Amino acid sequence: MFLTFLALEFLRYEAPENVDVSEKMVEDDSYMLVKTPKSKDDKSDVIVELPVGEREKNFTPVTVAFQDLHYWVPDPHNPKEQLELLKGINGFAVPGSITALMG
C-alpha cells in the first residue's frame, strides 16, 4: 500500500505539451523610444486647419413630455420581485438639453 502511495504521489504521467523553458534572447536594438510632439525638444508650433463643410441635420428636434412615469427593474436578491426606481415622475425635455431621470 505504501509503495502505491509513493508511485501515485511522485510519478506523474501527464505533462503539459506547450511548455517552452528556453529563454529567447531579445536584442536591445529591437526597441526604440518614440517621441510624441509634446515631448520633442524643439518648440515649433504647427497649426493644421481642416475644412469642415455644412452638415445637414438628419433629425427633427422635438420636445418630449412625460407624466406619472413609473420604472421597475428585477430585484437582484429575489428575481420574482421587482424594484420600482421611478415613482410617478413628471417632466419634459427640450431640444438641445440633456435630461437624466434618476431614481
PDB file of N, CA and C in Angstrom:
ATOM      1  N   MET A   1       0.813  -1.185   0.000  1.00  0.00           N
ATOM      2  CA  MET A   1       0.000   0.000   0.000  1.00  0.00           C
ATOM      3  C   MET A   1       0.866   1.262   0.000  1.00  0.00           C
ATOM      4  N   PHE A   2       1.946   1.229   0.775  1.00  0.00           N
ATOM      5  CA  PHE A   2       2.826   2.383   0.848  1.00  0.00           C
ATOM      6  C   PHE A   2       3.519   2.633  -0.490  1.00  0.00           C
ATOM      7  N   LEU A   3       3.907   1.559  -1.178  1.00  0.00           N
ATOM      8  CA  LEU A   3       4.545   1.718  -2.489  1.00  0.00           C
ATOM      9  C   LEU A   3       3.571   2.305  -3.508  1.00  0.00           C
ATOM     10  N   THR A   4       2.316   1.949  -3.424  1.00  0.00           N
ATOM     11  CA  THR A   4       1.312   2.520  -4.318  1.00  0.00           C
ATOM     12  C   THR A   4       1.163   4.016  -4.048  1.00  0.00           C
ATOM     13  N   PHE A   5       1.189   4.390  -2.784  1.00  0.00           N
ATOM     14  CA  PHE A   5       1.111   5.803  -2.427  1.00  0.00           C
ATOM     15  C   PHE A   5       2.288   6.575  -3.017  1.00  0.00           C
ATOM     16  N   LEU A   6       3.502   6.036  -2.862  1.00  0.00           N
ATOM     17  CA  LEU A   6       4.679   6.709  -3.405  1.00  0.00           C
ATOM     18  C   LEU A   6       4.615   6.810  -4.921  1.00  0.00           C
ATOM     19  N   ALA A   7       4.181   5.741  -5.573  1.00  0.00           N
ATOM     20  CA  ALA A   7       4.099   5.755  -7.034  1.00  0.00           C
ATOM     21  C   ALA A   7       3.081   6.789  -7.509  1.00  0.00           C
ATOM     22  N   LEU A   8       1.933   6.858  -6.858  1.00  0.00           N
ATOM     23  CA  LEU A   8       0.911   7.814  -7.276  1.00  0.00           C
ATOM     24  C   LEU A   8       1.277   9.254  -6.902  1.00  0.00           C
ATOM     25  N   GLU A   9       2.057   9.421  -5.847  1.00  0.00           N
ATOM     26  CA  GLU A   9       2.403  10.766  -5.403  1.00  0.00           C
ATOM     27  C   GLU A   9       3.530  11.378  -6.226  1.00  0.00           C
ATOM     28  N   PHE A  10       4.537  10.591  -6.577  1.00  0.00           N
ATOM     29  CA  PHE A  10       5.730  11.159  -7.189  1.00  0.00           C
ATOM     30  C   PHE A  10       5.883  10.869  -8.672  1.00  0.00           C
ATOM     31  N   LEU A  11       5.160   9.944  -9.215  1.00  0.00           N
ATOM     32  CA  LEU A  11       5.241   9.673 -10.647  1.00  0.00           C
ATOM     33  C   LEU A  11       4.076  10.363 -11.338  1.00  0.00           C
ATOM     34  N   ARG A  12       4.377  11.278 -12.212  1.00  0.00           N
ATOM     35  CA  ARG A  12       3.346  11.999 -12.953  1.00  0.00           C
ATOM     36  C   ARG A  12       3.435  11.581 -14.414  1.00  0.00           C
ATOM     37  N   TYR A  13       2.316  11.141 -14.944  1.00  0.00           N
ATOM     38  CA  TYR A  13       2.306  10.697 -16.332  1.00  0.00           C
ATOM     39  C   TYR A  13       1.876  11.813 -17.276  1.00  0.00           C
ATOM     40  N   GLU A  14       1.079  12.757 -16.778  1.00  0.00           N
ATOM     41  CA  GLU A  14       0.656  13.848 -17.647  1.00  0.00           C
ATOM     42  C   GLU A  14       1.714  14.944 -17.622  1.00  0.00           C
ATOM     43  N   ALA A  15       1.928  15.547 -18.752  1.00  0.00           N
ATOM     44  CA  ALA A  15       2.883  16.638 -18.860  1.00  0.00           C
ATOM     45  C   ALA A  15       2.317  17.668 -19.838  1.00  0.00           C
ATOM     46  N   PRO A  16       2.435  18.932 -19.534  1.00  0.00           N
ATOM     47  CA  PRO A  16       1.956  19.945 -20.468  1.00  0.00           C
ATOM     48  C   PRO A  16       2.759  19.897 -21.761  1.00  0.00           C
ATOM     49  N   GLU A  17       2.044  19.983 -22.857  1.00  0.00           N
ATOM     50  CA  GLU A  17       2.712  19.868 -24.151  1.00  0.00           C
ATOM     51  C   GLU A  17       3.235  21.196 -24.663  1.00  0.00           C
ATOM     52  N   ASN A  18       2.725  22.298 -24.161  1.00  0.00           N
ATOM     53  CA  ASN A  18       3.090  23.593 -24.724  1.00  0.00           C
ATOM     54  C   ASN A  18       4.008  24.407 -23.812  1.00  0.00           C
ATOM     55  N   VAL A  19       4.876  23.775 -23.072  1.00  0.00           N
ATOM     56  CA  VAL A  19       5.787  24.475 -22.186  1.00  0.00           C
ATOM     57  C   VAL A  19       7.107  24.686 -22.909  1.00  0.00           C
ATOM     58  N   ASP A  20       7.565  25.934 -22.898  1.00  0.00           N
ATOM     59  CA  ASP A  20       8.839  26.281 -23.514  1.00  0.00           C
ATOM     60  C   ASP A  20       9.718  26.874 -22.422  1.00  0.00           C
ATOM     61  N   VAL A  21      10.740  26.138 -22.009  1.00  0.00           N
ATOM     62  CA  VAL A  21      11.582  26.592 -20.917  1.00  0.00           C
ATOM     63  C   VAL A  21      12.819  27.337 -21.389  1.00  0.00           C
ATOM     64  N   SER A  22      13.053  27.362 -22.668  1.00  0.00           N
ATOM     65  CA  SER A  22      14.236  28.066 -23.154  1.00  0.00           C
ATOM     66  C   SER A  22      13.943  29.564 -23.216  1.00  0.00           C
ATOM     67  N   GLU A  23      14.931  30.371 -22.812  1.00  0.00           N
ATOM     68  CA  GLU A  23      14.773  31.821 -22.854  1.00  0.00           C
ATOM     69  C   GLU A  23      15.206  32.323 -24.216  1.00  0.00           C
ATOM     70  N   LYS A  24      14.360  33.149 -24.789  1.00  0.00           N
ATOM     71  CA  LYS A  24      14.692  33.726 -26.084  1.00  0.00           C
ATOM     72  C   LYS A  24      15.465  35.020 -25.848  1.00  0.00           C
ATOM     73  N   MET A  25      16.558  35.164 -26.538  1.00  0.00           N
ATOM     74  CA  MET A  25      17.374  36.359 -26.406  1.00  0.00           C
ATOM     75  C   MET A  25      16.725  37.498 -27.184  1.00  0.00           C
ATOM     76  N   VAL A  26      16.579  38.631 -26.532  1.00  0.00           N
ATOM     77  CA  VAL A  26      15.996  39.809 -27.161  1.00  0.00           C
ATOM     78  C   VAL A  26      17.075  40.871 -27.246  1.00  0.00           C
ATOM     79  N   GLU A  27      17.274  41.377 -28.442  1.00  0.00           N
ATOM     80  CA  GLU A  27      18.281  42.414 -28.614  1.00  0.00           C
ATOM     81  C   GLU A  27      17.704  43.760 -28.199  1.00  0.00           C
ATOM     82  N   ASP A  28      18.535  44.569 -27.592  1.00  0.00           N
ATOM     83  CA  ASP A  28      18.085  45.893 -27.176  1.00  0.00           C
ATOM     84  C   ASP A  28      17.817  46.803 -28.366  1.00  0.00           C
ATOM     85  N   ASP A  29      18.373  46.484 -29.521  1.00  0.00           N
ATOM     86  CA  ASP A  29      18.166  47.318 -30.704  1.00  0.00           C
ATOM     87  C   ASP A  29      16.751  47.189 -31.259  1.00  0.00           C
ATOM     88  N   SER A  30      16.013  46.174 -30.848  1.00  0.00           N
ATOM     89  CA  SER A  30      14.678  45.980 -31.395  1.00  0.00           C
ATOM     90  C   SER A  30      13.663  46.944 -30.783  1.00  0.00           C
ATOM     91  N   TYR A  31      14.028  47.632 -29.701  1.00  0.00           N
ATOM     92  CA  TYR A  31      13.153  48.612 -29.069  1.00  0.00           C
ATOM     93  C   TYR A  31      13.686  50.008 -29.341  1.00  0.00           C
ATOM     94  N   MET A  32      12.766  50.952 -29.491  1.00  0.00           N
ATOM     95  CA  MET A  32      13.201  52.329 -29.655  1.00  0.00           C
ATOM     96  C   MET A  32      12.249  53.254 -28.912  1.00  0.00           C
ATOM     97  N   LEU A  33      12.752  54.364 -28.466  1.00  0.00           N
ATOM     98  CA  LEU A  33      11.967  55.334 -27.737  1.00  0.00           C
ATOM     99  C   LEU A  33      11.315  56.282 -28.728  1.00  0.00           C
ATOM    100  N   VAL A  34      10.007  56.353 -28.679  1.00  0.00           N
ATOM    101  CA  VAL A  34       9.270  57.203 -29.601  1.00  0.00           C
ATOM    102  C   VAL A  34       8.946  58.508 -28.898  1.00  0.00           C
ATOM    103  N   LYS A  35       9.145  59.607 -29.609  1.00  0.00           N
ATOM    104  CA  LYS A  35       8.846  60.913 -29.038  1.00  0.00           C
ATOM    105  C   LYS A  35       7.577  61.452 -29.671  1.00  0.00           C
ATOM    106  N   THR A  36       6.682  61.886 -28.831  1.00  0.00           N
ATOM    107  CA  THR A  36       5.449  62.493 -29.313  1.00  0.00           C
ATOM    108  C   THR A  36       5.693  63.978 -29.534  1.00  0.00           C
ATOM    109  N   PRO A  37       4.802  64.655 -30.236  1.00  0.00           N
ATOM    110  CA  PRO A  37       5.023  66.085 -30.475  1.00  0.00           C
ATOM    111  C   PRO A  37       5.162  66.899 -29.188  1.00  0.00           C
ATOM    112  N   LYS A  38       4.512  66.509 -28.106  1.00  0.00           N
ATOM    113  CA  LYS A  38       4.624  67.267 -26.860  1.00  0.00           C
ATOM    114  C   LYS A  38       5.941  67.002 -26.148  1.00  0.00           C
ATOM    115  N   SER A  39       6.577  65.870 -26.422  1.00  0.00           N
ATOM    116  CA  SER A  39       7.819  65.561 -25.724  1.00  0.00           C
ATOM    117  C   SER A  39       9.048  65.914 -26.550  1.00  0.00           C
ATOM    118  N   LYS A  40       8.858  66.490 -27.731  1.00  0.00           N
ATOM    119  CA  LYS A  40      10.008  66.894 -28.537  1.00  0.00           C
ATOM    120  C   LYS A  40      10.726  68.060 -27.859  1.00  0.00           C
ATOM    121  N   ASP A  41      11.989  68.179 -28.147  1.00  0.00           N
ATOM    122  CA  ASP A  41      12.772  69.253 -27.564  1.00  0.00           C
ATOM    123  C   ASP A  41      12.558  70.575 -28.288  1.00  0.00           C
ATOM    124  N   ASP A  42      12.313  70.524 -29.597  1.00  0.00           N
ATOM    125  CA  ASP A  42      12.157  71.772 -30.338  1.00  0.00           C
ATOM    126  C   ASP A  42      10.783  72.381 -30.063  1.00  0.00           C
ATOM    127  N   LYS A  43      10.706  73.685 -30.111  1.00  0.00           N
ATOM    128  CA  LYS A  43       9.484  74.412 -29.765  1.00  0.00           C
ATOM    129  C   LYS A  43       8.813  74.967 -31.022  1.00  0.00           C
ATOM    130  N   SER A  44       8.484  74.130 -31.965  1.00  0.00           N
ATOM    131  CA  SER A  44       7.819  74.600 -33.179  1.00  0.00           C
ATOM    132  C   SER A  44       6.322  74.374 -33.049  1.00  0.00           C
ATOM    133  N   ASP A  45       5.543  75.422 -33.339  1.00  0.00           N
ATOM    134  CA  ASP A  45       4.092  75.323 -33.300  1.00  0.00           C
ATOM    135  C   ASP A  45       3.575  75.061 -34.703  1.00  0.00           C
ATOM    136  N   VAL A  46       2.749  74.061 -34.834  1.00  0.00           N
ATOM    137  CA  VAL A  46       2.158  73.723 -36.120  1.00  0.00           C
ATOM    138  C   VAL A  46       0.651  73.740 -35.949  1.00  0.00           C
ATOM    139  N   ILE A  47      -0.024  74.480 -36.810  1.00  0.00           N
ATOM    140  CA  ILE A  47      -1.479  74.535 -36.785  1.00  0.00           C
ATOM    141  C   ILE A  47      -1.985  73.895 -38.061  1.00  0.00           C
ATOM    142  N   VAL A  48      -2.817  72.904 -37.902  1.00  0.00           N
ATOM    143  CA  VAL A  48      -3.394  72.208 -39.045  1.00  0.00           C
ATOM    144  C   VAL A  48      -4.871  72.569 -39.102  1.00  0.00           C
ATOM    145  N   GLU A  49      -5.283  73.178 -40.195  1.00  0.00           N
ATOM    146  CA  GLU A  49      -6.680  73.546 -40.361  1.00  0.00           C
ATOM    147  C   GLU A  49      -7.357  72.540 -41.272  1.00  0.00           C
ATOM    148  N   LEU A  50      -8.488  72.042 -40.826  1.00  0.00           N
ATOM    149  CA  LEU A  50      -9.255  71.088 -41.611  1.00  0.00           C
ATOM    150  C   LEU A  50     -10.534  71.759 -42.086  1.00  0.00           C
ATOM    151  N   PRO A  51     -10.793  71.690 -43.379  1.00  0.00           N
ATOM    152  CA  PRO A  51     -12.035  72.299 -43.867  1.00  0.00           C
ATOM    153  C   PRO A  51     -13.241  71.454 -43.462  1.00  0.00           C
ATOM    154  N   VAL A  52     -14.203  72.097 -42.829  1.00  0.00           N
ATOM    155  CA  VAL A  52     -15.414  71.414 -42.398  1.00  0.00           C
ATOM    156  C   VAL A  52     -16.592  72.103 -43.074  1.00  0.00           C
ATOM    157  N   GLY A  53     -17.326  71.335 -43.850  1.00  0.00           N
ATOM    158  CA  GLY A  53     -18.473  71.891 -44.555  1.00  0.00           C
ATOM    159  C   GLY A  53     -19.719  71.874 -43.695  1.00  0.00           C
ATOM    160  N   GLU A  54     -20.753  72.498 -44.194  1.00  0.00           N
ATOM    161  CA  GLU A  54     -22.041  72.494 -43.503  1.00  0.00           C
ATOM    162  C   GLU A  54     -22.631  71.096 -43.529  1.00  0.00           C
ATOM    163  N   ARG A  55     -23.229  70.694 -42.433  1.00  0.00           N
ATOM    164  CA  ARG A  55     -23.869  69.384 -42.366  1.00  0.00           C
ATOM    165  C   ARG A  55     -25.376  69.559 -42.349  1.00  0.00           C
ATOM    166  N   GLU A  56     -26.032  68.612 -42.953  1.00  0.00           N
ATOM    167  CA  GLU A  56     -27.488  68.615 -42.949  1.00  0.00           C
ATOM    168  C   GLU A  56     -27.967  67.859 -41.718  1.00  0.00           C
ATOM    169  N   LYS A  57     -28.935  68.425 -41.017  1.00  0.00           N
ATOM    170  CA  LYS A  57     -29.475  67.741 -39.846  1.00  0.00           C
ATOM    171  C   LYS A  57     -30.347  66.590 -40.309  1.00  0.00           C
ATOM    172  N   ASN A  58     -30.053  65.396 -39.796  1.00  0.00           N
ATOM    173  CA  ASN A  58     -30.801  64.200 -40.177  1.00  0.00           C
ATOM    174  C   ASN A  58     -31.900  63.875 -39.174  1.00  0.00           C
ATOM    175  N   PHE A  59     -32.303  64.843 -38.366  1.00  0.00           N
ATOM    176  CA  PHE A  59     -33.342  64.590 -37.378  1.00  0.00           C
ATOM    177  C   PHE A  59     -34.181  65.852 -37.211  1.00  0.00           C
ATOM    178  N   THR A  60     -35.323  65.661 -36.645  1.00  0.00           N
ATOM    179  CA  THR A  60     -36.215  66.777 -36.347  1.00  0.00           C
ATOM    180  C   THR A  60     -36.231  66.977 -34.838  1.00  0.00           C
ATOM    181  N   PRO A  61     -35.836  68.153 -34.345  1.00  0.00           N
ATOM    182  CA  PRO A  61     -35.860  68.381 -32.898  1.00  0.00           C
ATOM    183  C   PRO A  61     -37.293  68.329 -32.367  1.00  0.00           C
ATOM    184  N   VAL A  62     -37.480  67.632 -31.258  1.00  0.00           N
ATOM    185  CA  VAL A  62     -38.807  67.517 -30.652  1.00  0.00           C
ATOM    186  C   VAL A  62     -38.700  67.789 -29.157  1.00  0.00           C
ATOM    187  N   THR A  63     -39.802  68.176 -28.579  1.00  0.00           N
ATOM    188  CA  THR A  63     -39.921  68.318 -27.134  1.00  0.00           C
ATOM    189  C   THR A  63     -40.692  67.118 -26.611  1.00  0.00           C
ATOM    190  N   VAL A  64     -40.164  66.473 -25.583  1.00  0.00           N
ATOM    191  CA  VAL A  64     -40.792  65.280 -25.018  1.00  0.00           C
ATOM    192  C   VAL A  64     -41.305  65.623 -23.620  1.00  0.00           C
ATOM    193  N   ALA A  65     -42.565  65.285 -23.360  1.00  0.00           N
ATOM    194  CA  ALA A  65     -43.144  65.489 -22.031  1.00  0.00           C
ATOM    195  C   ALA A  65     -43.625  64.145 -21.495  1.00  0.00           C
ATOM    196  N   PHE A  66     -43.515  63.948 -20.187  1.00  0.00           N
ATOM    197  CA  PHE A  66     -43.980  62.703 -19.578  1.00  0.00           C
ATOM    198  C   PHE A  66     -44.671  63.033 -18.264  1.00  0.00           C
ATOM    199  N   GLN A  67     -45.670  62.207 -17.946  1.00  0.00           N
ATOM    200  CA  GLN A  67     -46.467  62.431 -16.748  1.00  0.00           C
ATOM    201  C   GLN A  67     -46.739  61.086 -16.086  1.00  0.00           C
ATOM    202  N   ASP A  68     -46.573  61.035 -14.772  1.00  0.00           N
ATOM    203  CA  ASP A  68     -46.826  59.828 -13.978  1.00  0.00           C
ATOM    204  C   ASP A  68     -46.031  58.628 -14.513  1.00  0.00           C
ATOM    205  N   LEU A  69     -44.722  58.825 -14.680  1.00  0.00           N
ATOM    206  CA  LEU A  69     -43.832  57.797 -15.235  1.00  0.00           C
ATOM    207  C   LEU A  69     -43.357  56.876 -14.117  1.00  0.00           C
ATOM    208  N   HIS A  70     -43.470  55.563 -14.338  1.00  0.00           N
ATOM    209  CA  HIS A  70     -43.002  54.545 -13.390  1.00  0.00           C
ATOM    210  C   HIS A  70     -42.002  53.646 -14.111  1.00  0.00           C
ATOM    211  N   TYR A  71     -40.966  53.170 -13.376  1.00  0.00           N
ATOM    212  CA  TYR A  71     -39.954  52.292 -13.972  1.00  0.00           C
ATOM    213  C   TYR A  71     -39.561  51.235 -12.946  1.00  0.00           C
ATOM    214  N   TRP A  72     -39.670  49.954 -13.345  1.00  0.00           N
ATOM    215  CA  TRP A  72     -39.345  48.829 -12.476  1.00  0.00           C
ATOM    216  C   TRP A  72     -38.181  48.042 -13.057  1.00  0.00           C
ATOM    217  N   VAL A  73     -37.366  47.453 -12.174  1.00  0.00           N
ATOM    218  CA  VAL A  73     -36.284  46.544 -12.561  1.00  0.00           C
ATOM    219  C   VAL A  73     -36.394  45.297 -11.692  1.00  0.00           C
ATOM    220  N   PRO A  74     -35.867  44.145 -12.175  1.00  0.00           N
ATOM    221  CA  PRO A  74     -35.898  42.927 -11.351  1.00  0.00           C
ATOM    222  C   PRO A  74     -35.027  43.092 -10.099  1.00  0.00           C
ATOM    223  N   ASP A  75     -35.504  42.548  -8.994  1.00  0.00           N
ATOM    224  CA  ASP A  75     -34.761  42.582  -7.742  1.00  0.00           C
ATOM    225  C   ASP A  75     -33.625  41.567  -7.826  1.00  0.00           C
ATOM    226  N   PRO A  76     -32.352  41.974  -7.642  1.00  0.00           N
ATOM    227  CA  PRO A  76     -31.248  41.018  -7.750  1.00  0.00           C
ATOM    228  C   PRO A  76     -31.276  39.946  -6.659  1.00  0.00           C
ATOM    229  N   HIS A  77     -31.880  40.245  -5.514  1.00  0.00           N
ATOM    230  CA  HIS A  77     -31.936  39.275  -4.420  1.00  0.00           C
ATOM    231  C   HIS A  77     -33.106  38.315  -4.564  1.00  0.00           C
ATOM    232  N   ASN A  78     -34.179  38.750  -5.205  1.00  0.00           N
ATOM    233  CA  ASN A  78     -35.357  37.914  -5.398  1.00  0.00           C
ATOM    234  C   ASN A  78     -35.882  38.160  -6.813  1.00  0.00           C
ATOM    235  N   PRO A  79     -35.519  37.315  -7.789  1.00  0.00           N
ATOM    236  CA  PRO A  79     -35.884  37.558  -9.187  1.00  0.00           C
ATOM    237  C   PRO A  79     -37.383  37.628  -9.440  1.00  0.00           C
ATOM    238  N   LYS A  80     -38.200  37.074  -8.546  1.00  0.00           N
ATOM    239  CA  LYS A  80     -39.646  37.123  -8.752  1.00  0.00           C
ATOM    240  C   LYS A  80     -40.226  38.483  -8.364  1.00  0.00           C
ATOM    241  N   GLU A  81     -39.482  39.259  -7.594  1.00  0.00           N
ATOM    242  CA  GLU A  81     -39.924  40.584  -7.160  1.00  0.00           C
ATOM    243  C   GLU A  81     -39.343  41.649  -8.089  1.00  0.00           C
ATOM    244  N   GLN A  82     -39.934  42.841  -8.057  1.00  0.00           N
ATOM    245  CA  GLN A  82     -39.434  43.966  -8.836  1.00  0.00           C
ATOM    246  C   GLN A  82     -39.235  45.171  -7.929  1.00  0.00           C
ATOM    247  N   LEU A  83     -38.223  45.979  -8.267  1.00  0.00           N
ATOM    248  CA  LEU A  83     -37.959  47.218  -7.546  1.00  0.00           C
ATOM    249  C   LEU A  83     -38.433  48.385  -8.405  1.00  0.00           C
ATOM    250  N   GLU A  84     -39.170  49.307  -7.817  1.00  0.00           N
ATOM    251  CA  GLU A  84     -39.637  50.473  -8.560  1.00  0.00           C
ATOM    252  C   GLU A  84     -38.630  51.606  -8.359  1.00  0.00           C
ATOM    253  N   LEU A  85     -37.951  51.992  -9.444  1.00  0.00           N
ATOM    254  CA  LEU A  85     -36.944  53.043  -9.357  1.00  0.00           C
ATOM    255  C   LEU A  85     -37.544  54.428  -9.534  1.00  0.00           C
ATOM    256  N   LEU A  86     -38.458  54.572 -10.473  1.00  0.00           N
ATOM    257  CA  LEU A  86     -39.118  55.857 -10.701  1.00  0.00           C
ATOM    258  C   LEU A  86     -40.578  55.718 -10.315  1.00  0.00           C
ATOM    259  N   LYS A  87     -41.061  56.624  -9.480  1.00  0.00           N
ATOM    260  CA  LYS A  87     -42.430  56.529  -8.964  1.00  0.00           C
ATOM    261  C   LYS A  87     -43.186  57.808  -9.293  1.00  0.00           C
ATOM    262  N   GLY A  88     -44.003  57.768 -10.343  1.00  0.00           N
ATOM    263  CA  GLY A  88     -44.863  58.896 -10.679  1.00  0.00           C
ATOM    264  C   GLY A  88     -44.126  60.167 -11.035  1.00  0.00           C
ATOM    265  N   ILE A  89     -43.111  60.074 -11.876  1.00  0.00           N
ATOM    266  CA  ILE A  89     -42.295  61.225 -12.247  1.00  0.00           C
ATOM    267  C   ILE A  89     -42.982  62.010 -13.365  1.00  0.00           C
ATOM    268  N   ASN A  90     -42.972  63.340 -13.263  1.00  0.00           N
ATOM    269  CA  ASN A  90     -43.477  64.232 -14.303  1.00  0.00           C
ATOM    270  C   ASN A  90     -42.324  65.103 -14.780  1.00  0.00           C
ATOM    271  N   GLY A  91     -42.303  65.435 -16.075  1.00  0.00           N
ATOM    272  CA  GLY A  91     -41.257  66.310 -16.569  1.00  0.00           C
ATOM    273  C   GLY A  91     -41.305  66.476 -18.061  1.00  0.00           C
ATOM    274  N   PHE A  92     -40.266  67.155 -18.591  1.00  0.00           N
ATOM    275  CA  PHE A  92     -40.165  67.362 -20.029  1.00  0.00           C
ATOM    276  C   PHE A  92     -38.700  67.535 -20.400  1.00  0.00           C
ATOM    277  N   ALA A  93     -38.413  67.339 -21.679  1.00  0.00           N
ATOM    278  CA  ALA A  93     -37.071  67.527 -22.220  1.00  0.00           C
ATOM    279  C   ALA A  93     -37.198  68.342 -23.496  1.00  0.00           C
ATOM    280  N   VAL A  94     -36.421  69.414 -23.587  1.00  0.00           N
ATOM    281  CA  VAL A  94     -36.472  70.289 -24.756  1.00  0.00           C
ATOM    282  C   VAL A  94     -35.262  70.016 -25.645  1.00  0.00           C
ATOM    283  N   PRO A  95     -35.350  70.342 -26.939  1.00  0.00           N
ATOM    284  CA  PRO A  95     -34.212  70.131 -27.837  1.00  0.00           C
ATOM    285  C   PRO A  95     -32.985  70.925 -27.375  1.00  0.00           C
ATOM    286  N   GLY A  96     -31.835  70.299 -27.484  1.00  0.00           N
ATOM    287  CA  GLY A  96     -30.583  70.949 -27.109  1.00  0.00           C
ATOM    288  C   GLY A  96     -30.229  70.819 -25.644  1.00  0.00           C
ATOM    289  N   SER A  97     -30.969  70.037 -24.886  1.00  0.00           N
ATOM    290  CA  SER A  97     -30.657  69.849 -23.468  1.00  0.00           C
ATOM    291  C   SER A  97     -30.508  68.363 -23.181  1.00  0.00           C
ATOM    292  N   ILE A  98     -29.829  68.061 -22.101  1.00  0.00           N
ATOM    293  CA  ILE A  98     -29.663  66.676 -21.670  1.00  0.00           C
ATOM    294  C   ILE A  98     -30.520  66.484 -20.422  1.00  0.00           C
ATOM    295  N   THR A  99     -31.367  65.477 -20.449  1.00  0.00           N
ATOM    296  CA  THR A  99     -32.256  65.204 -19.323  1.00  0.00           C
ATOM    297  C   THR A  99     -31.959  63.814 -18.790  1.00  0.00           C
ATOM    298  N   ALA A 100     -31.734  63.695 -17.485  1.00  0.00           N
ATOM    299  CA  ALA A 100     -31.465  62.399 -16.861  1.00  0.00           C
ATOM    300  C   ALA A 100     -32.541  62.122 -15.828  1.00  0.00           C
ATOM    301  N   LEU A 101     -33.131  60.943 -15.901  1.00  0.00           N
ATOM    302  CA  LEU A 101     -34.116  60.512 -14.912  1.00  0.00           C
ATOM    303  C   LEU A 101     -33.407  59.584 -13.944  1.00  0.00           C
ATOM    304  N   MET A 102     -33.333  59.979 -12.686  1.00  0.00           N
ATOM    305  CA  MET A 102     -32.604  59.194 -11.695  1.00  0.00           C
ATOM    306  C   MET A 102     -33.549  58.803 -10.582  1.00  0.00           C
ATOM    307  N   GLY A 103     -33.476  57.519 -10.199  1.00  0.00           N
ATOM    308  CA  GLY A 103     -34.366  57.050  -9.148  1.00  0.00           C
ATOM    309  C   GLY A 103     -33.643  56.793  -7.869  1.00  0.00           C
TER     310      GLY A 103
END
